[in-house]
């Protein structure tokens, strides 16, 4: 619980751009393991809540989350290796895991309370966190942060392609997409 409280303080510090935000996270092996445990616990809570609310199968949702997570971390690792900053990977993964865990819990709470209008706030928070994790935790320069985000976007596109191959849309899904595109 102490690690979770410290990570929450670190997340708030990252949101406001505090240069000392890194001190709230443990980048040791134990800290990395703790961040994965938090992410796995929150993912389990999300999957159970989604299934309870009639959101579909838990296995498919888990596969989707694993593919997207793997694409973001994999693309980030490849980029960091290209620029010779492998040292920044563990701090990135730790802060990413804690950010995902804490924001996912907050988002789940807002959905359960019927406050889905706050989704936009979470989108903005995610963008701010992405930039500040690169700037404050990973100590990347501005252009490196831009390129990291581009690499992550490419990873997400690759993940989307894999997901479409694994879970092809039905005829009804395609019709709904076409209708939405027409306006």
N, C-alpha and C. Protein backbone atom coordinates (compact mmCIF):
# COMPACT_ATOMS: atom_id res chain seq x y z
N UNK A 1 0.83 -1.21 0.00
CA UNK A 1 0.00 0.00 0.00
C UNK A 1 0.86 1.26 0.00
N UNK A 2 2.00 1.19 0.69
CA UNK A 2 2.89 2.36 0.72
C UNK A 2 3.39 2.68 -0.69
N UNK A 3 3.72 1.61 -1.43
CA UNK A 3 4.20 1.81 -2.79
C UNK A 3 3.10 2.42 -3.67
N UNK A 4 1.86 1.98 -3.47
CA UNK A 4 0.74 2.52 -4.24
C UNK A 4 0.50 3.98 -3.91
N UNK A 5 0.58 4.33 -2.62
CA UNK A 5 0.41 5.74 -2.23
C UNK A 5 1.51 6.61 -2.82
N UNK A 6 2.73 6.10 -2.77
CA UNK A 6 3.86 6.85 -3.33
C UNK A 6 3.68 7.02 -4.84
N UNK A 7 3.22 5.97 -5.50
CA UNK A 7 3.00 6.05 -6.94
C UNK A 7 1.88 7.04 -7.27
N UNK A 8 0.84 7.08 -6.45
CA UNK A 8 -0.23 8.06 -6.67
C UNK A 8 0.29 9.49 -6.52
N UNK A 9 1.14 9.69 -5.51
CA UNK A 9 1.76 11.01 -5.36
C UNK A 9 2.65 11.33 -6.56
N UNK A 10 3.38 10.33 -7.03
CA UNK A 10 4.22 10.51 -8.21
C UNK A 10 3.41 10.82 -9.45
N UNK A 11 2.26 10.17 -9.58
CA UNK A 11 1.38 10.44 -10.72
C UNK A 11 0.87 11.88 -10.68
N UNK A 12 0.48 12.34 -9.50
CA UNK A 12 0.04 13.74 -9.37
C UNK A 12 1.19 14.69 -9.67
N UNK A 13 2.38 14.35 -9.20
CA UNK A 13 3.56 15.19 -9.47
C UNK A 13 3.85 15.23 -10.97
N UNK A 14 3.69 14.11 -11.66
CA UNK A 14 3.89 14.08 -13.11
C UNK A 14 2.84 14.93 -13.83
N UNK A 15 1.61 14.88 -13.34
CA UNK A 15 0.54 15.66 -13.98
C UNK A 15 0.80 17.16 -13.92
N UNK A 16 1.45 17.61 -12.85
CA UNK A 16 1.74 19.05 -12.73
C UNK A 16 3.14 19.39 -13.21
N UNK A 17 3.90 18.37 -13.67
CA UNK A 17 5.21 18.63 -14.23
C UNK A 17 6.32 18.81 -13.21
N UNK A 18 6.12 18.30 -12.01
CA UNK A 18 7.14 18.41 -10.95
C UNK A 18 8.38 17.61 -11.35
N UNK A 19 9.52 18.26 -11.42
CA UNK A 19 10.78 17.61 -11.82
C UNK A 19 11.24 16.56 -10.81
N UNK A 20 10.72 16.60 -9.62
CA UNK A 20 11.08 15.61 -8.60
C UNK A 20 10.13 14.43 -8.54
N UNK A 21 9.27 14.26 -9.53
CA UNK A 21 8.27 13.20 -9.51
C UNK A 21 8.89 11.81 -9.44
N UNK A 22 10.07 11.65 -9.99
CA UNK A 22 10.73 10.33 -10.02
C UNK A 22 10.97 9.76 -8.63
N UNK A 23 11.13 10.63 -7.65
CA UNK A 23 11.45 10.16 -6.30
C UNK A 23 10.31 9.33 -5.69
N UNK A 24 9.13 9.43 -6.25
CA UNK A 24 7.97 8.69 -5.73
C UNK A 24 7.89 7.25 -6.24
N UNK A 25 8.69 6.93 -7.23
CA UNK A 25 8.65 5.61 -7.85
C UNK A 25 9.92 4.84 -7.52
N UNK A 26 9.80 3.53 -7.40
CA UNK A 26 10.96 2.67 -7.19
C UNK A 26 11.31 2.01 -8.51
N UNK A 27 12.51 2.27 -9.02
CA UNK A 27 12.93 1.71 -10.29
C UNK A 27 13.81 0.48 -10.11
N UNK A 28 13.78 -0.10 -8.92
CA UNK A 28 14.51 -1.34 -8.65
C UNK A 28 13.72 -2.52 -9.22
N UNK A 29 14.28 -3.71 -9.11
CA UNK A 29 13.55 -4.91 -9.55
C UNK A 29 12.27 -5.09 -8.75
N UNK A 30 12.36 -4.82 -7.46
CA UNK A 30 11.17 -4.93 -6.61
C UNK A 30 10.12 -3.90 -7.03
N UNK A 31 10.56 -2.70 -7.36
CA UNK A 31 9.63 -1.66 -7.82
C UNK A 31 9.00 -2.02 -9.15
N UNK A 32 9.78 -2.61 -10.04
CA UNK A 32 9.25 -3.07 -11.33
C UNK A 32 8.21 -4.17 -11.11
N UNK A 33 8.55 -5.12 -10.24
CA UNK A 33 7.60 -6.20 -9.94
C UNK A 33 6.34 -5.65 -9.29
N UNK A 34 6.49 -4.71 -8.37
CA UNK A 34 5.32 -4.11 -7.72
C UNK A 34 4.42 -3.38 -8.71
N UNK A 35 5.03 -2.72 -9.69
CA UNK A 35 4.21 -2.01 -10.68
C UNK A 35 3.44 -3.01 -11.55
N UNK A 36 4.06 -4.15 -11.86
CA UNK A 36 3.34 -5.17 -12.64
C UNK A 36 2.22 -5.80 -11.82
N UNK A 37 2.47 -6.02 -10.53
CA UNK A 37 1.42 -6.58 -9.67
C UNK A 37 0.23 -5.63 -9.62
N UNK A 38 0.50 -4.33 -9.45
CA UNK A 38 -0.59 -3.34 -9.42
C UNK A 38 -1.35 -3.36 -10.73
N UNK A 39 -0.63 -3.40 -11.85
CA UNK A 39 -1.29 -3.42 -13.16
C UNK A 39 -2.14 -4.68 -13.34
N UNK A 40 -1.61 -5.83 -12.91
CA UNK A 40 -2.36 -7.08 -13.04
C UNK A 40 -3.61 -7.09 -12.16
N UNK A 41 -3.51 -6.58 -10.94
CA UNK A 41 -4.67 -6.53 -10.05
C UNK A 41 -5.75 -5.63 -10.64
N UNK A 42 -5.35 -4.46 -11.12
CA UNK A 42 -6.33 -3.53 -11.69
C UNK A 42 -6.92 -4.10 -12.98
N UNK A 43 -6.11 -4.77 -13.78
CA UNK A 43 -6.63 -5.39 -15.00
C UNK A 43 -7.67 -6.45 -14.65
N UNK A 44 -7.41 -7.25 -13.63
CA UNK A 44 -8.38 -8.26 -13.20
C UNK A 44 -9.68 -7.59 -12.74
N UNK A 45 -9.57 -6.51 -11.99
CA UNK A 45 -10.76 -5.78 -11.53
C UNK A 45 -11.54 -5.25 -12.73
N UNK A 46 -10.83 -4.68 -13.69
CA UNK A 46 -11.48 -4.15 -14.90
C UNK A 46 -12.19 -5.24 -15.67
N UNK A 47 -11.55 -6.37 -15.84
CA UNK A 47 -12.14 -7.47 -16.60
C UNK A 47 -13.40 -8.00 -15.93
N UNK A 48 -13.34 -8.15 -14.61
CA UNK A 48 -14.52 -8.62 -13.87
C UNK A 48 -15.64 -7.59 -13.96
N UNK A 49 -15.31 -6.31 -13.80
CA UNK A 49 -16.34 -5.26 -13.89
C UNK A 49 -16.94 -5.21 -15.29
N UNK A 50 -16.10 -5.33 -16.30
CA UNK A 50 -16.60 -5.30 -17.68
C UNK A 50 -17.54 -6.48 -17.94
N UNK A 51 -17.15 -7.66 -17.48
CA UNK A 51 -18.00 -8.84 -17.66
C UNK A 51 -19.30 -8.70 -16.87
N UNK A 52 -19.22 -8.14 -15.65
CA UNK A 52 -20.43 -7.96 -14.84
C UNK A 52 -21.39 -6.96 -15.46
N UNK A 53 -20.84 -5.97 -16.18
CA UNK A 53 -21.68 -4.96 -16.82
C UNK A 53 -22.14 -5.40 -18.21
N UNK A 54 -21.81 -6.63 -18.59
CA UNK A 54 -22.23 -7.15 -19.89
C UNK A 54 -21.38 -6.65 -21.04
N UNK A 55 -20.11 -6.40 -20.76
CA UNK A 55 -19.23 -5.86 -21.79
C UNK A 55 -18.55 -6.88 -22.66
N UNK A 56 -18.92 -8.14 -22.56
CA UNK A 56 -18.31 -9.14 -23.43
C UNK A 56 -17.42 -10.09 -22.67
N UNK A 57 -16.71 -10.89 -23.45
CA UNK A 57 -15.87 -11.93 -22.89
C UNK A 57 -14.60 -11.41 -22.25
N UNK A 58 -14.25 -11.99 -21.13
CA UNK A 58 -13.05 -11.57 -20.41
C UNK A 58 -11.78 -11.98 -21.14
N UNK A 59 -11.78 -13.16 -21.77
CA UNK A 59 -10.58 -13.62 -22.45
C UNK A 59 -10.21 -12.71 -23.61
N UNK A 60 -11.20 -12.36 -24.42
CA UNK A 60 -10.94 -11.47 -25.56
C UNK A 60 -10.43 -10.11 -25.11
N UNK A 61 -11.03 -9.59 -24.05
CA UNK A 61 -10.59 -8.29 -23.53
C UNK A 61 -9.17 -8.37 -23.00
N UNK A 62 -8.83 -9.47 -22.33
CA UNK A 62 -7.48 -9.64 -21.81
C UNK A 62 -6.46 -9.73 -22.94
N UNK A 63 -6.80 -10.49 -23.98
CA UNK A 63 -5.89 -10.60 -25.14
C UNK A 63 -5.68 -9.24 -25.77
N UNK A 64 -6.74 -8.47 -25.90
CA UNK A 64 -6.62 -7.14 -26.49
C UNK A 64 -5.71 -6.25 -25.64
N UNK A 65 -5.89 -6.27 -24.33
CA UNK A 65 -5.05 -5.44 -23.46
C UNK A 65 -3.59 -5.85 -23.52
N UNK A 66 -3.33 -7.15 -23.56
CA UNK A 66 -1.95 -7.64 -23.62
C UNK A 66 -1.30 -7.21 -24.94
N UNK A 67 -2.01 -7.31 -26.04
CA UNK A 67 -1.46 -6.94 -27.34
C UNK A 67 -1.16 -5.44 -27.40
N UNK A 68 -2.07 -4.62 -26.93
CA UNK A 68 -1.85 -3.17 -26.94
C UNK A 68 -0.69 -2.80 -26.01
N UNK A 69 -0.67 -3.37 -24.81
CA UNK A 69 0.43 -3.08 -23.87
C UNK A 69 1.76 -3.51 -24.47
N UNK A 70 1.81 -4.71 -25.02
CA UNK A 70 3.04 -5.21 -25.63
C UNK A 70 3.51 -4.34 -26.78
N UNK A 71 2.56 -3.82 -27.56
CA UNK A 71 2.93 -2.96 -28.69
C UNK A 71 3.53 -1.64 -28.20
N UNK A 72 2.95 -1.04 -27.18
CA UNK A 72 3.46 0.23 -26.66
C UNK A 72 4.84 0.04 -26.04
N UNK A 73 4.98 -0.96 -25.19
CA UNK A 73 6.26 -1.19 -24.53
C UNK A 73 7.31 -1.65 -25.54
N UNK A 74 6.92 -2.53 -26.45
CA UNK A 74 7.86 -3.01 -27.46
C UNK A 74 8.36 -1.90 -28.37
N UNK A 75 7.45 -1.06 -28.84
CA UNK A 75 7.86 0.07 -29.69
C UNK A 75 8.75 1.04 -28.92
N UNK A 76 8.42 1.26 -27.67
CA UNK A 76 9.24 2.15 -26.83
C UNK A 76 10.63 1.57 -26.62
N UNK A 77 10.70 0.27 -26.35
CA UNK A 77 12.00 -0.39 -26.14
C UNK A 77 12.85 -0.32 -27.40
N UNK A 78 12.23 -0.54 -28.56
CA UNK A 78 12.98 -0.45 -29.82
C UNK A 78 13.52 0.96 -30.04
N UNK A 79 12.68 1.95 -29.78
CA UNK A 79 13.11 3.34 -29.97
C UNK A 79 14.25 3.68 -29.00
N UNK A 80 14.09 3.30 -27.73
CA UNK A 80 15.12 3.61 -26.74
C UNK A 80 16.45 2.92 -27.08
N UNK A 81 16.37 1.73 -27.63
CA UNK A 81 17.59 1.05 -28.05
C UNK A 81 18.25 1.80 -29.21
N UNK A 82 17.43 2.32 -30.12
CA UNK A 82 17.96 3.05 -31.26
C UNK A 82 18.71 4.32 -30.85
N UNK A 83 18.24 4.96 -29.80
CA UNK A 83 18.88 6.21 -29.38
C UNK A 83 19.89 5.97 -28.25
N UNK A 84 20.14 4.71 -27.92
CA UNK A 84 21.13 4.39 -26.90
C UNK A 84 20.71 4.72 -25.48
N UNK A 85 19.41 4.65 -25.20
CA UNK A 85 18.89 4.98 -23.87
C UNK A 85 18.16 3.80 -23.24
N UNK A 86 18.75 2.62 -23.30
CA UNK A 86 18.15 1.45 -22.66
C UNK A 86 17.94 1.66 -21.16
N UNK A 87 18.74 2.55 -20.57
CA UNK A 87 18.61 2.85 -19.14
C UNK A 87 17.26 3.45 -18.78
N UNK A 88 16.56 4.00 -19.76
CA UNK A 88 15.28 4.65 -19.49
C UNK A 88 14.09 3.69 -19.58
N UNK A 89 14.34 2.44 -20.00
CA UNK A 89 13.22 1.51 -20.20
C UNK A 89 12.54 1.13 -18.89
N UNK A 90 13.30 0.75 -17.87
CA UNK A 90 12.67 0.34 -16.60
C UNK A 90 11.91 1.51 -15.96
N UNK A 91 12.48 2.71 -15.87
CA UNK A 91 11.68 3.83 -15.34
C UNK A 91 10.41 4.08 -16.16
N UNK A 92 10.50 3.93 -17.48
CA UNK A 92 9.32 4.10 -18.33
C UNK A 92 8.27 3.05 -17.98
N UNK A 93 8.66 1.79 -17.90
CA UNK A 93 7.70 0.71 -17.64
C UNK A 93 7.07 0.87 -16.25
N UNK A 94 7.88 1.21 -15.25
CA UNK A 94 7.34 1.38 -13.90
C UNK A 94 6.29 2.50 -13.87
N UNK A 95 6.64 3.65 -14.43
CA UNK A 95 5.68 4.77 -14.40
C UNK A 95 4.48 4.50 -15.30
N UNK A 96 4.70 3.82 -16.43
CA UNK A 96 3.58 3.45 -17.30
C UNK A 96 2.63 2.52 -16.57
N UNK A 97 3.17 1.50 -15.90
CA UNK A 97 2.32 0.55 -15.18
C UNK A 97 1.50 1.23 -14.08
N UNK A 98 2.18 2.05 -13.28
CA UNK A 98 1.45 2.73 -12.21
C UNK A 98 0.43 3.72 -12.77
N UNK A 99 0.79 4.43 -13.83
CA UNK A 99 -0.15 5.37 -14.44
C UNK A 99 -1.37 4.64 -14.97
N UNK A 100 -1.13 3.53 -15.66
CA UNK A 100 -2.26 2.74 -16.19
C UNK A 100 -3.13 2.21 -15.06
N UNK A 101 -2.50 1.69 -14.01
CA UNK A 101 -3.28 1.12 -12.90
C UNK A 101 -4.13 2.19 -12.22
N UNK A 102 -3.53 3.31 -11.90
CA UNK A 102 -4.25 4.36 -11.16
C UNK A 102 -5.32 5.01 -12.04
N UNK A 103 -4.97 5.35 -13.27
CA UNK A 103 -5.97 5.96 -14.16
C UNK A 103 -7.10 4.99 -14.52
N UNK A 104 -6.77 3.72 -14.65
CA UNK A 104 -7.82 2.72 -14.95
C UNK A 104 -8.80 2.61 -13.81
N UNK A 105 -8.29 2.61 -12.57
CA UNK A 105 -9.21 2.57 -11.42
C UNK A 105 -10.08 3.82 -11.37
N UNK A 106 -9.47 4.97 -11.61
CA UNK A 106 -10.25 6.22 -11.60
C UNK A 106 -11.29 6.21 -12.72
N UNK A 107 -10.90 5.74 -13.89
CA UNK A 107 -11.83 5.69 -15.01
C UNK A 107 -12.98 4.71 -14.73
N UNK A 108 -12.66 3.57 -14.15
CA UNK A 108 -13.69 2.59 -13.80
C UNK A 108 -14.67 3.19 -12.79
N UNK A 109 -14.15 3.92 -11.81
CA UNK A 109 -15.02 4.56 -10.83
C UNK A 109 -15.94 5.58 -11.48
N UNK A 110 -15.41 6.37 -12.42
CA UNK A 110 -16.26 7.37 -13.07
C UNK A 110 -17.33 6.71 -13.94
N UNK A 111 -16.99 5.59 -14.56
CA UNK A 111 -17.98 4.88 -15.38
C UNK A 111 -19.07 4.30 -14.48
N UNK A 112 -18.67 3.69 -13.37
CA UNK A 112 -19.65 3.11 -12.46
C UNK A 112 -20.54 4.18 -11.83
N UNK A 113 -20.01 5.39 -11.68
CA UNK A 113 -20.80 6.49 -11.12
C UNK A 113 -21.59 7.23 -12.20
N UNK A 114 -21.43 6.81 -13.45
CA UNK A 114 -22.16 7.45 -14.54
C UNK A 114 -21.58 8.78 -14.98
N UNK A 115 -20.33 9.01 -14.69
CA UNK A 115 -19.68 10.28 -15.04
C UNK A 115 -18.80 10.12 -16.27
N UNK A 116 -19.32 9.48 -17.31
CA UNK A 116 -18.52 9.21 -18.50
C UNK A 116 -18.07 10.48 -19.21
N UNK A 117 -18.67 11.61 -18.89
CA UNK A 117 -18.27 12.88 -19.48
C UNK A 117 -16.83 13.22 -19.08
N UNK A 118 -16.35 12.64 -18.00
CA UNK A 118 -14.98 12.89 -17.55
C UNK A 118 -13.94 12.14 -18.38
N UNK A 119 -14.36 11.33 -19.33
CA UNK A 119 -13.43 10.59 -20.18
C UNK A 119 -12.46 11.53 -20.89
N UNK A 120 -12.93 12.69 -21.27
CA UNK A 120 -12.08 13.68 -21.93
C UNK A 120 -10.95 14.13 -21.00
N UNK A 121 -11.26 14.27 -19.72
CA UNK A 121 -10.25 14.66 -18.73
C UNK A 121 -9.16 13.58 -18.66
N UNK A 122 -9.56 12.31 -18.70
CA UNK A 122 -8.59 11.22 -18.67
C UNK A 122 -7.73 11.20 -19.93
N UNK A 123 -8.30 11.56 -21.05
CA UNK A 123 -7.54 11.64 -22.30
C UNK A 123 -6.46 12.71 -22.18
N UNK A 124 -6.83 13.88 -21.69
CA UNK A 124 -5.86 14.96 -21.50
C UNK A 124 -4.79 14.54 -20.49
N UNK A 125 -5.21 13.91 -19.40
CA UNK A 125 -4.25 13.45 -18.38
C UNK A 125 -3.27 12.45 -18.99
N UNK A 126 -3.75 11.56 -19.84
CA UNK A 126 -2.89 10.59 -20.49
C UNK A 126 -1.84 11.24 -21.37
N UNK A 127 -2.24 12.26 -22.10
CA UNK A 127 -1.30 12.98 -22.96
C UNK A 127 -0.25 13.70 -22.12
N UNK A 128 -0.70 14.39 -21.06
CA UNK A 128 0.23 15.09 -20.17
C UNK A 128 1.19 14.11 -19.52
N UNK A 129 0.67 12.97 -19.08
CA UNK A 129 1.53 11.96 -18.46
C UNK A 129 2.56 11.42 -19.45
N UNK A 130 2.14 11.14 -20.67
CA UNK A 130 3.08 10.63 -21.68
C UNK A 130 4.24 11.59 -21.89
N UNK A 131 3.92 12.85 -22.00
CA UNK A 131 4.97 13.85 -22.22
C UNK A 131 5.86 13.97 -20.99
N UNK A 132 5.24 14.04 -19.81
CA UNK A 132 6.03 14.24 -18.59
C UNK A 132 6.81 13.00 -18.16
N UNK A 133 6.33 11.82 -18.50
CA UNK A 133 7.13 10.62 -18.23
C UNK A 133 8.41 10.69 -19.08
N UNK A 134 8.25 11.08 -20.33
CA UNK A 134 9.43 11.22 -21.19
C UNK A 134 10.35 12.33 -20.71
N UNK A 135 9.79 13.44 -20.31
CA UNK A 135 10.58 14.62 -19.92
C UNK A 135 11.20 14.47 -18.54
N UNK A 136 10.40 14.09 -17.55
CA UNK A 136 10.85 14.10 -16.16
C UNK A 136 11.49 12.77 -15.75
N UNK A 137 10.86 11.66 -16.08
CA UNK A 137 11.34 10.36 -15.61
C UNK A 137 12.44 9.82 -16.52
N UNK A 138 12.23 9.88 -17.82
CA UNK A 138 13.19 9.30 -18.75
C UNK A 138 14.28 10.30 -19.16
N UNK A 139 14.10 11.55 -18.83
CA UNK A 139 15.01 12.66 -19.16
C UNK A 139 15.33 12.74 -20.65
N UNK A 140 14.30 12.60 -21.46
CA UNK A 140 14.47 12.74 -22.91
C UNK A 140 14.35 14.20 -23.31
N UNK A 141 14.97 14.53 -24.42
CA UNK A 141 14.85 15.88 -24.98
C UNK A 141 13.51 15.98 -25.72
N UNK A 142 13.04 17.19 -25.99
CA UNK A 142 11.72 17.35 -26.62
C UNK A 142 11.53 16.55 -27.92
N UNK A 143 12.51 16.60 -28.83
CA UNK A 143 12.34 15.86 -30.08
C UNK A 143 12.35 14.35 -29.84
N UNK A 144 13.09 13.89 -28.85
CA UNK A 144 13.08 12.47 -28.51
C UNK A 144 11.72 12.03 -27.98
N UNK A 145 11.06 12.92 -27.23
CA UNK A 145 9.72 12.62 -26.72
C UNK A 145 8.74 12.52 -27.89
N UNK A 146 8.83 13.44 -28.83
CA UNK A 146 7.96 13.40 -30.01
C UNK A 146 8.16 12.09 -30.76
N UNK A 147 9.41 11.72 -30.97
CA UNK A 147 9.71 10.48 -31.70
C UNK A 147 9.27 9.24 -30.91
N UNK A 148 9.38 9.29 -29.59
CA UNK A 148 8.89 8.19 -28.76
C UNK A 148 7.39 8.02 -28.93
N UNK A 149 6.66 9.13 -28.90
CA UNK A 149 5.21 9.06 -29.06
C UNK A 149 4.84 8.57 -30.45
N UNK A 150 5.59 8.97 -31.47
CA UNK A 150 5.35 8.47 -32.83
C UNK A 150 5.61 6.97 -32.88
N UNK A 151 6.70 6.51 -32.26
CA UNK A 151 7.01 5.08 -32.23
C UNK A 151 5.88 4.31 -31.53
N UNK A 152 5.36 4.86 -30.44
CA UNK A 152 4.26 4.22 -29.73
C UNK A 152 3.00 4.18 -30.60
N UNK A 153 2.75 5.25 -31.35
CA UNK A 153 1.59 5.28 -32.25
C UNK A 153 1.72 4.21 -33.33
N UNK A 154 2.92 4.06 -33.87
CA UNK A 154 3.15 3.00 -34.87
C UNK A 154 2.91 1.64 -34.24
N UNK A 155 3.37 1.45 -33.02
CA UNK A 155 3.12 0.20 -32.30
C UNK A 155 1.64 -0.05 -32.11
N UNK A 156 0.88 1.00 -31.81
CA UNK A 156 -0.57 0.86 -31.64
C UNK A 156 -1.26 0.50 -32.96
N UNK A 157 -0.80 1.07 -34.06
CA UNK A 157 -1.37 0.71 -35.37
C UNK A 157 -1.10 -0.76 -35.66
N UNK A 158 0.13 -1.22 -35.38
CA UNK A 158 0.45 -2.64 -35.58
C UNK A 158 -0.43 -3.51 -34.69
N UNK A 159 -0.65 -3.09 -33.44
CA UNK A 159 -1.52 -3.84 -32.54
C UNK A 159 -2.94 -3.89 -33.07
N UNK A 160 -3.41 -2.77 -33.61
CA UNK A 160 -4.76 -2.73 -34.17
C UNK A 160 -4.90 -3.71 -35.33
N UNK A 161 -3.88 -3.78 -36.17
CA UNK A 161 -3.91 -4.72 -37.29
C UNK A 161 -3.96 -6.17 -36.79
N UNK A 162 -3.17 -6.47 -35.77
CA UNK A 162 -3.18 -7.82 -35.20
C UNK A 162 -4.55 -8.12 -34.59
N UNK A 163 -5.12 -7.15 -33.89
CA UNK A 163 -6.43 -7.36 -33.27
C UNK A 163 -7.52 -7.57 -34.31
N UNK A 164 -7.44 -6.85 -35.43
CA UNK A 164 -8.44 -7.03 -36.49
C UNK A 164 -8.31 -8.42 -37.10
N UNK A 165 -7.08 -8.92 -37.20
CA UNK A 165 -6.89 -10.28 -37.71
C UNK A 165 -7.39 -11.32 -36.72
N UNK A 166 -7.16 -11.09 -35.42
CA UNK A 166 -7.60 -12.05 -34.41
C UNK A 166 -9.09 -11.99 -34.15
N UNK A 167 -9.63 -10.79 -34.17
CA UNK A 167 -11.05 -10.57 -33.88
C UNK A 167 -11.67 -9.77 -35.02
N UNK A 168 -11.90 -10.41 -36.18
CA UNK A 168 -12.43 -9.66 -37.33
C UNK A 168 -13.82 -9.09 -37.02
N UNK A 169 -14.07 -7.87 -37.51
CA UNK A 169 -15.39 -7.27 -37.26
C UNK A 169 -16.49 -8.02 -38.02
N UNK A 170 -17.65 -8.08 -37.41
CA UNK A 170 -18.80 -8.74 -38.04
C UNK A 170 -19.41 -7.81 -39.08
N UNK A 171 -20.33 -8.33 -39.86
CA UNK A 171 -21.02 -7.52 -40.87
C UNK A 171 -21.77 -6.36 -40.20
N UNK A 172 -22.34 -6.62 -39.02
CA UNK A 172 -23.06 -5.56 -38.30
C UNK A 172 -22.09 -4.47 -37.84
N UNK A 173 -20.91 -4.88 -37.37
CA UNK A 173 -19.91 -3.91 -36.94
C UNK A 173 -19.48 -3.03 -38.12
N UNK A 174 -19.24 -3.66 -39.28
CA UNK A 174 -18.83 -2.90 -40.46
C UNK A 174 -19.91 -1.95 -40.93
N UNK A 175 -21.18 -2.39 -40.83
CA UNK A 175 -22.29 -1.52 -41.22
C UNK A 175 -22.38 -0.32 -40.26
N UNK A 176 -22.17 -0.55 -38.96
CA UNK A 176 -22.21 0.55 -37.99
C UNK A 176 -21.08 1.53 -38.24
N UNK A 177 -19.90 1.03 -38.59
CA UNK A 177 -18.77 1.89 -38.88
C UNK A 177 -19.05 2.73 -40.13
N UNK A 178 -19.60 2.10 -41.15
CA UNK A 178 -19.92 2.81 -42.39
C UNK A 178 -20.97 3.88 -42.15
N UNK A 179 -21.97 3.55 -41.32
CA UNK A 179 -23.03 4.54 -41.02
C UNK A 179 -22.46 5.70 -40.23
N UNK A 180 -21.56 5.43 -39.31
CA UNK A 180 -20.95 6.51 -38.52
C UNK A 180 -20.06 7.38 -39.39
N UNK A 181 -19.40 6.78 -40.37
CA UNK A 181 -18.53 7.55 -41.27
C UNK A 181 -19.33 8.48 -42.18
N UNK A 182 -20.53 8.06 -42.53
CA UNK A 182 -21.39 8.89 -43.38
C UNK A 182 -21.98 10.08 -42.62
N UNK A 183 -21.98 9.95 -41.30
CA UNK A 183 -22.45 11.06 -40.49
C UNK A 183 -23.82 10.88 -40.09
